[in-house]
Amino acid sequence: MLFLASGAMILGLYGFTVNLPHWDFGKLLGIYVVMFFLVAQILAKVRFDQAPTAPIYLGGALIVAGGLVIGFWRS
């Protein structure tokens, strides 16, 4: 029951987070890719004890940088 309640809470917070700001779809997708990458890496470490390698850190830094540019660039 704890996992079910935690999952429902996380899903609700996720929906609130992505729908509250007035982002267009492209910006939302950019931020979503960053969030997916970060959660996947945390899950890989916590659940499967797989530490990121140097290429994953480098690629992840590029993904995060790209998400920040997409999400916060003012044109």
C-alpha atoms as a PDB file:
ATOM      1  CA  MET A   1       0.000   0.000   0.000  1.00  0.00           C
ATOM      2  CA  LEU A   2       2.904   2.345   0.721  1.00  0.00           C
ATOM      3  CA  PHE A   3       4.274   1.876  -2.814  1.00  0.00           C
ATOM      4  CA  LEU A   4       0.827   2.449  -4.302  1.00  0.00           C
ATOM      5  CA  ALA A   5       0.320   5.651  -2.310  1.00  0.00           C
ATOM      6  CA  SER A   6       3.853   6.830  -3.141  1.00  0.00           C
ATOM      7  CA  GLY A   7       3.312   6.136  -6.837  1.00  0.00           C
ATOM      8  CA  ALA A   8       0.013   8.005  -6.848  1.00  0.00           C
ATOM      9  CA  MET A   9       1.599  10.972  -5.093  1.00  0.00           C
ATOM     10  CA  ILE A  10       4.570  11.072  -7.469  1.00  0.00           C
ATOM     11  CA  LEU A  11       2.295  10.800 -10.507  1.00  0.00           C
ATOM     12  CA  GLY A  12       0.105  13.598  -9.172  1.00  0.00           C
ATOM     13  CA  LEU A  13       3.135  15.822  -8.511  1.00  0.00           C
ATOM     14  CA  TYR A  14       4.447  15.049 -11.982  1.00  0.00           C
ATOM     15  CA  GLY A  15       1.151  16.021 -13.599  1.00  0.00           C
ATOM     16  CA  PHE A  16       1.003  19.205 -11.551  1.00  0.00           C
ATOM     17  CA  THR A  17       4.615  20.101 -12.414  1.00  0.00           C
ATOM     18  CA  VAL A  18       4.325  19.649 -16.174  1.00  0.00           C
ATOM     19  CA  ASN A  19       0.892  21.250 -16.506  1.00  0.00           C
ATOM     20  CA  LEU A  20       1.258  24.261 -14.207  1.00  0.00           C
ATOM     21  CA  PRO A  21       3.740  26.315 -16.265  1.00  0.00           C
ATOM     22  CA  HIS A  22       2.539  27.733 -19.577  1.00  0.00           C
ATOM     23  CA  TRP A  23       5.121  25.928 -21.740  1.00  0.00           C
ATOM     24  CA  ASP A  24       4.623  25.027 -25.338  1.00  0.00           C
ATOM     25  CA  PHE A  25       4.931  21.375 -26.314  1.00  0.00           C
ATOM     26  CA  GLY A  26       8.549  21.658 -27.509  1.00  0.00           C
ATOM     27  CA  LYS A  27       9.721  23.100 -24.214  1.00  0.00           C
ATOM     28  CA  LEU A  28       7.723  20.567 -22.266  1.00  0.00           C
ATOM     29  CA  LEU A  29       9.250  17.722 -24.249  1.00  0.00           C
ATOM     30  CA  GLY A  30      12.769  19.075 -23.655  1.00  0.00           C
ATOM     31  CA  ILE A  31      12.235  19.184 -19.904  1.00  0.00           C
ATOM     32  CA  TYR A  32      10.584  15.756 -20.001  1.00  0.00           C
ATOM     33  CA  VAL A  33      13.646  14.207 -21.652  1.00  0.00           C
ATOM     34  CA  VAL A  34      15.868  15.657 -18.923  1.00  0.00           C
ATOM     35  CA  MET A  35      13.588  14.360 -16.169  1.00  0.00           C
ATOM     36  CA  PHE A  36      13.410  10.915 -17.773  1.00  0.00           C
ATOM     37  CA  PHE A  37      17.213  10.740 -17.995  1.00  0.00           C
ATOM     38  CA  LEU A  38      17.734  11.811 -14.379  1.00  0.00           C
ATOM     39  CA  VAL A  39      15.111   9.442 -12.987  1.00  0.00           C
ATOM     40  CA  ALA A  40      16.487   6.567 -15.082  1.00  0.00           C
ATOM     41  CA  GLN A  41      20.001   7.137 -13.735  1.00  0.00           C
ATOM     42  CA  ILE A  42      18.799   7.364 -10.140  1.00  0.00           C
ATOM     43  CA  LEU A  43      16.769   4.191 -10.602  1.00  0.00           C
ATOM     44  CA  ALA A  44      19.739   2.394 -12.180  1.00  0.00           C
ATOM     45  CA  LYS A  45      21.912   3.244  -9.170  1.00  0.00           C
ATOM     46  CA  VAL A  46      19.376   2.674  -6.406  1.00  0.00           C
ATOM     47  CA  ARG A  47      17.576  -0.395  -7.754  1.00  0.00           C
ATOM     48  CA  PHE A  48      20.231  -2.128  -9.861  1.00  0.00           C
ATOM     49  CA  ASP A  49      23.448  -0.746  -8.295  1.00  0.00           C
ATOM     50  CA  GLN A  50      24.730   0.391 -11.696  1.00  0.00           C
ATOM     51  CA  ALA A  51      26.886   3.485 -11.370  1.00  0.00           C
ATOM     52  CA  PRO A  52      27.001   5.826 -14.373  1.00  0.00           C
ATOM     53  CA  THR A  53      30.124   5.647 -16.505  1.00  0.00           C
ATOM     54  CA  ALA A  54      32.072   8.607 -17.881  1.00  0.00           C
ATOM     55  CA  PRO A  55      30.156   8.608 -21.210  1.00  0.00           C
ATOM     56  CA  ILE A  56      26.850   8.621 -19.336  1.00  0.00           C
ATOM     57  CA  TYR A  57      27.996  11.569 -17.212  1.00  0.00           C
ATOM     58  CA  LEU A  58      29.123  13.473 -20.311  1.00  0.00           C
ATOM     59  CA  GLY A  59      26.034  12.651 -22.341  1.00  0.00           C
ATOM     60  CA  GLY A  60      23.837  13.393 -19.337  1.00  0.00           C
ATOM     61  CA  ALA A  61      25.475  16.782 -18.884  1.00  0.00           C
ATOM     62  CA  LEU A  62      24.668  17.544 -22.520  1.00  0.00           C
ATOM     63  CA  ILE A  63      21.083  16.370 -22.077  1.00  0.00           C
ATOM     64  CA  VAL A  64      20.636  18.542 -18.979  1.00  0.00           C
ATOM     65  CA  ALA A  65      22.284  21.538 -20.669  1.00  0.00           C
ATOM     66  CA  GLY A  66      20.016  21.103 -23.695  1.00  0.00           C
ATOM     67  CA  GLY A  67      16.955  20.860 -21.476  1.00  0.00           C
ATOM     68  CA  LEU A  68      17.930  24.042 -19.678  1.00  0.00           C
ATOM     69  CA  VAL A  69      18.406  25.865 -22.987  1.00  0.00           C
ATOM     70  CA  ILE A  70      15.066  24.601 -24.310  1.00  0.00           C
ATOM     71  CA  GLY A  71      13.204  25.330 -21.103  1.00  0.00           C
ATOM     72  CA  PHE A  72      14.552  28.714 -20.145  1.00  0.00           C
ATOM     73  CA  TRP A  73      15.744  30.451 -23.330  1.00  0.00           C
ATOM     74  CA  ARG A  74      13.962  33.758 -23.798  1.00  0.00           C
ATOM     75  CA  SER A  75      13.616  34.715 -27.450  1.00  0.00           C
END
